[in-house]
Amino acid sequence: MGIAERVEPSAPSIDDVISNSINIMQTRIGRSRLAEDPPELLITPRLEDFALLDFDRADEAIVAGRRAVAHALAAR
C-alpha cells in the first residue's frame, strides 16, 4: 500500500472572493430589513448552486422559484 499524497487546497480566485463578499453583504442587508419589517410570507427558493453571474442559468432559477412558491402555497 502506497503513501497517500497530501493535496493542498487551492486558494479561491479573486472572482470567488468578490462574489462571496457580495453574497455575505446581501444576506446581512436582507436579514436586517426582514427584522425591521417582517413579511407575512417569505419564499426562499434554493439557489445555493447559482453563482452571482450565472445569467445563462436564469431558466433554472425561475424553475426553482416556481417550486418554492408551489411549496409555500401548499403549506398554507
N, C-alpha and C. Protein backbone atom coordinates (compact mmCIF):
# COMPACT_ATOMS: atom_id res chain seq x y z
N MET A 1 0.85 -1.18 0.00
CA MET A 1 0.00 0.00 0.00
C MET A 1 0.89 1.24 0.00
N GLY A 2 0.65 2.18 -0.90
CA GLY A 2 1.47 3.38 -1.02
C GLY A 2 1.06 4.46 -0.04
N ILE A 3 1.91 5.44 0.08
CA ILE A 3 1.62 6.58 0.95
C ILE A 3 0.73 7.56 0.17
N ALA A 4 -0.34 7.98 0.81
CA ALA A 4 -1.27 8.91 0.16
C ALA A 4 -0.62 10.28 0.05
N GLU A 5 -0.79 10.89 -1.10
CA GLU A 5 -0.28 12.25 -1.30
C GLU A 5 -1.18 13.25 -0.61
N ARG A 6 -0.56 14.23 0.00
CA ARG A 6 -1.34 15.30 0.61
C ARG A 6 -1.59 16.37 -0.45
N VAL A 7 -2.85 16.68 -0.66
CA VAL A 7 -3.22 17.67 -1.66
C VAL A 7 -3.57 18.97 -0.95
N GLU A 8 -2.84 20.01 -1.28
CA GLU A 8 -3.10 21.32 -0.69
C GLU A 8 -4.30 21.96 -1.39
N PRO A 9 -5.23 22.51 -0.62
CA PRO A 9 -6.37 23.18 -1.28
C PRO A 9 -5.88 24.42 -2.02
N SER A 10 -6.49 24.69 -3.14
CA SER A 10 -6.10 25.87 -3.91
C SER A 10 -6.78 27.10 -3.33
N ALA A 11 -6.13 28.22 -3.46
CA ALA A 11 -6.70 29.48 -2.98
C ALA A 11 -7.85 29.88 -3.90
N PRO A 12 -8.89 30.51 -3.34
CA PRO A 12 -10.00 30.94 -4.19
C PRO A 12 -9.55 32.06 -5.14
N SER A 13 -10.20 32.12 -6.28
CA SER A 13 -9.87 33.17 -7.24
C SER A 13 -10.42 34.51 -6.74
N ILE A 14 -9.95 35.59 -7.30
CA ILE A 14 -10.44 36.91 -6.92
C ILE A 14 -11.93 37.04 -7.23
N ASP A 15 -12.38 36.42 -8.33
CA ASP A 15 -13.80 36.43 -8.66
C ASP A 15 -14.62 35.75 -7.57
N ASP A 16 -14.12 34.61 -7.07
CA ASP A 16 -14.83 33.90 -6.00
C ASP A 16 -14.88 34.74 -4.73
N VAL A 17 -13.78 35.39 -4.39
CA VAL A 17 -13.73 36.22 -3.19
C VAL A 17 -14.73 37.38 -3.29
N ILE A 18 -14.74 38.05 -4.43
CA ILE A 18 -15.67 39.18 -4.62
C ILE A 18 -17.12 38.69 -4.59
N SER A 19 -17.39 37.60 -5.28
CA SER A 19 -18.75 37.05 -5.32
C SER A 19 -19.22 36.66 -3.92
N ASN A 20 -18.36 35.98 -3.17
CA ASN A 20 -18.73 35.59 -1.80
C ASN A 20 -18.93 36.80 -0.91
N SER A 21 -18.10 37.82 -1.08
CA SER A 21 -18.25 39.05 -0.29
C SER A 21 -19.59 39.72 -0.57
N ILE A 22 -19.96 39.79 -1.83
CA ILE A 22 -21.25 40.39 -2.20
C ILE A 22 -22.40 39.57 -1.63
N ASN A 23 -22.30 38.24 -1.71
CA ASN A 23 -23.35 37.38 -1.15
C ASN A 23 -23.50 37.60 0.35
N ILE A 24 -22.39 37.72 1.06
CA ILE A 24 -22.45 37.95 2.51
C ILE A 24 -23.12 39.29 2.80
N MET A 25 -22.74 40.33 2.06
CA MET A 25 -23.35 41.65 2.27
C MET A 25 -24.85 41.61 1.99
N GLN A 26 -25.23 40.98 0.88
CA GLN A 26 -26.65 40.90 0.54
C GLN A 26 -27.44 40.15 1.61
N THR A 27 -26.87 39.07 2.11
CA THR A 27 -27.54 38.29 3.15
C THR A 27 -27.75 39.12 4.41
N ARG A 28 -26.71 39.82 4.83
CA ARG A 28 -26.83 40.63 6.05
C ARG A 28 -27.79 41.79 5.89
N ILE A 29 -27.76 42.45 4.75
CA ILE A 29 -28.70 43.54 4.50
C ILE A 29 -30.13 43.00 4.48
N GLY A 30 -30.33 41.88 3.82
CA GLY A 30 -31.66 41.26 3.76
C GLY A 30 -32.18 40.89 5.13
N ARG A 31 -31.33 40.28 5.95
CA ARG A 31 -31.75 39.90 7.31
C ARG A 31 -32.11 41.12 8.14
N SER A 32 -31.33 42.18 7.99
CA SER A 32 -31.60 43.41 8.73
C SER A 32 -32.96 43.99 8.33
N ARG A 33 -33.22 44.03 7.04
CA ARG A 33 -34.50 44.57 6.56
C ARG A 33 -35.67 43.70 6.99
N LEU A 34 -35.48 42.39 6.96
CA LEU A 34 -36.55 41.48 7.39
C LEU A 34 -36.85 41.64 8.88
N ALA A 35 -35.81 41.88 9.67
CA ALA A 35 -36.01 42.07 11.10
C ALA A 35 -36.78 43.36 11.38
N GLU A 36 -36.52 44.39 10.60
CA GLU A 36 -37.21 45.68 10.77
C GLU A 36 -38.67 45.61 10.34
N ASP A 37 -38.93 44.91 9.26
CA ASP A 37 -40.28 44.88 8.68
C ASP A 37 -40.57 43.47 8.15
N PRO A 38 -40.91 42.54 9.04
CA PRO A 38 -41.10 41.15 8.60
C PRO A 38 -42.29 40.99 7.65
N PRO A 39 -42.13 40.18 6.62
CA PRO A 39 -43.23 39.95 5.67
C PRO A 39 -44.25 38.96 6.23
N GLU A 40 -45.42 38.95 5.65
CA GLU A 40 -46.42 37.95 6.03
C GLU A 40 -46.00 36.56 5.57
N LEU A 41 -45.37 36.51 4.42
CA LEU A 41 -44.91 35.24 3.85
C LEU A 41 -43.56 35.47 3.18
N LEU A 42 -42.60 34.64 3.52
CA LEU A 42 -41.26 34.74 2.93
C LEU A 42 -40.99 33.47 2.14
N ILE A 43 -40.75 33.62 0.85
CA ILE A 43 -40.46 32.49 -0.02
C ILE A 43 -38.99 32.56 -0.41
N THR A 44 -38.26 31.50 -0.10
CA THR A 44 -36.83 31.47 -0.40
C THR A 44 -36.49 30.26 -1.25
N PRO A 45 -36.38 30.46 -2.56
CA PRO A 45 -36.02 29.34 -3.43
C PRO A 45 -34.59 28.87 -3.15
N ARG A 46 -34.33 27.62 -3.43
CA ARG A 46 -33.00 27.04 -3.23
C ARG A 46 -32.10 27.45 -4.40
N LEU A 47 -31.22 28.37 -4.13
CA LEU A 47 -30.35 28.90 -5.18
C LEU A 47 -28.87 28.78 -4.82
N GLU A 48 -28.54 27.88 -3.88
CA GLU A 48 -27.15 27.76 -3.45
C GLU A 48 -26.20 27.38 -4.57
N ASP A 49 -26.70 26.68 -5.56
CA ASP A 49 -25.84 26.21 -6.66
C ASP A 49 -25.63 27.26 -7.75
N PHE A 50 -26.18 28.45 -7.55
CA PHE A 50 -26.06 29.50 -8.55
C PHE A 50 -25.01 30.52 -8.10
N ALA A 51 -24.18 30.94 -9.04
CA ALA A 51 -23.18 31.97 -8.76
C ALA A 51 -23.74 33.33 -9.15
N LEU A 52 -23.06 34.35 -8.71
CA LEU A 52 -23.50 35.73 -8.93
C LEU A 52 -23.75 36.04 -10.41
N LEU A 53 -22.92 35.52 -11.28
CA LEU A 53 -23.02 35.87 -12.70
C LEU A 53 -23.57 34.74 -13.56
N ASP A 54 -24.37 33.86 -12.99
CA ASP A 54 -24.95 32.74 -13.74
C ASP A 54 -26.20 33.16 -14.51
N PHE A 55 -26.10 34.22 -15.28
CA PHE A 55 -27.25 34.70 -16.04
C PHE A 55 -27.74 33.68 -17.05
N ASP A 56 -26.84 32.85 -17.53
CA ASP A 56 -27.21 31.83 -18.52
C ASP A 56 -28.04 30.71 -17.90
N ARG A 57 -28.19 30.72 -16.57
CA ARG A 57 -28.98 29.70 -15.88
C ARG A 57 -30.30 30.27 -15.36
N ALA A 58 -30.75 31.37 -15.95
CA ALA A 58 -31.98 32.03 -15.48
C ALA A 58 -33.18 31.08 -15.50
N ASP A 59 -33.29 30.26 -16.53
CA ASP A 59 -34.42 29.33 -16.61
C ASP A 59 -34.45 28.39 -15.41
N GLU A 60 -33.28 27.91 -15.00
CA GLU A 60 -33.20 27.02 -13.84
C GLU A 60 -33.60 27.76 -12.56
N ALA A 61 -33.17 29.00 -12.43
CA ALA A 61 -33.51 29.80 -11.25
C ALA A 61 -35.01 30.06 -11.19
N ILE A 62 -35.62 30.31 -12.33
CA ILE A 62 -37.07 30.53 -12.39
C ILE A 62 -37.82 29.27 -11.98
N VAL A 63 -37.36 28.13 -12.44
CA VAL A 63 -37.98 26.85 -12.04
C VAL A 63 -37.86 26.67 -10.53
N ALA A 64 -36.70 26.97 -9.96
CA ALA A 64 -36.52 26.86 -8.51
C ALA A 64 -37.47 27.80 -7.78
N GLY A 65 -37.66 29.00 -8.30
CA GLY A 65 -38.59 29.94 -7.70
C GLY A 65 -40.02 29.45 -7.76
N ARG A 66 -40.41 28.91 -8.89
CA ARG A 66 -41.78 28.38 -9.03
C ARG A 66 -42.01 27.21 -8.07
N ARG A 67 -40.99 26.36 -7.92
CA ARG A 67 -41.09 25.24 -6.98
C ARG A 67 -41.29 25.76 -5.55
N ALA A 68 -40.53 26.78 -5.19
CA ALA A 68 -40.64 27.35 -3.85
C ALA A 68 -42.02 27.96 -3.61
N VAL A 69 -42.56 28.63 -4.61
CA VAL A 69 -43.91 29.20 -4.49
C VAL A 69 -44.95 28.10 -4.32
N ALA A 70 -44.85 27.06 -5.13
CA ALA A 70 -45.81 25.95 -5.03
C ALA A 70 -45.74 25.31 -3.65
N HIS A 71 -44.53 25.14 -3.13
CA HIS A 71 -44.35 24.53 -1.81
C HIS A 71 -44.95 25.44 -0.73
N ALA A 72 -44.70 26.75 -0.83
CA ALA A 72 -45.22 27.69 0.16
C ALA A 72 -46.74 27.75 0.13
N LEU A 73 -47.32 27.73 -1.05
CA LEU A 73 -48.79 27.78 -1.16
C LEU A 73 -49.43 26.49 -0.65
N ALA A 74 -48.78 25.36 -0.90
CA ALA A 74 -49.31 24.08 -0.41
C ALA A 74 -49.27 24.00 1.11
N ALA A 75 -48.30 24.69 1.72
CA ALA A 75 -48.16 24.66 3.18
C ALA A 75 -49.15 25.58 3.88
N ARG A 76 -49.76 26.49 3.15
CA ARG A 76 -50.69 27.45 3.77
C ARG A 76 -52.01 26.86 4.01
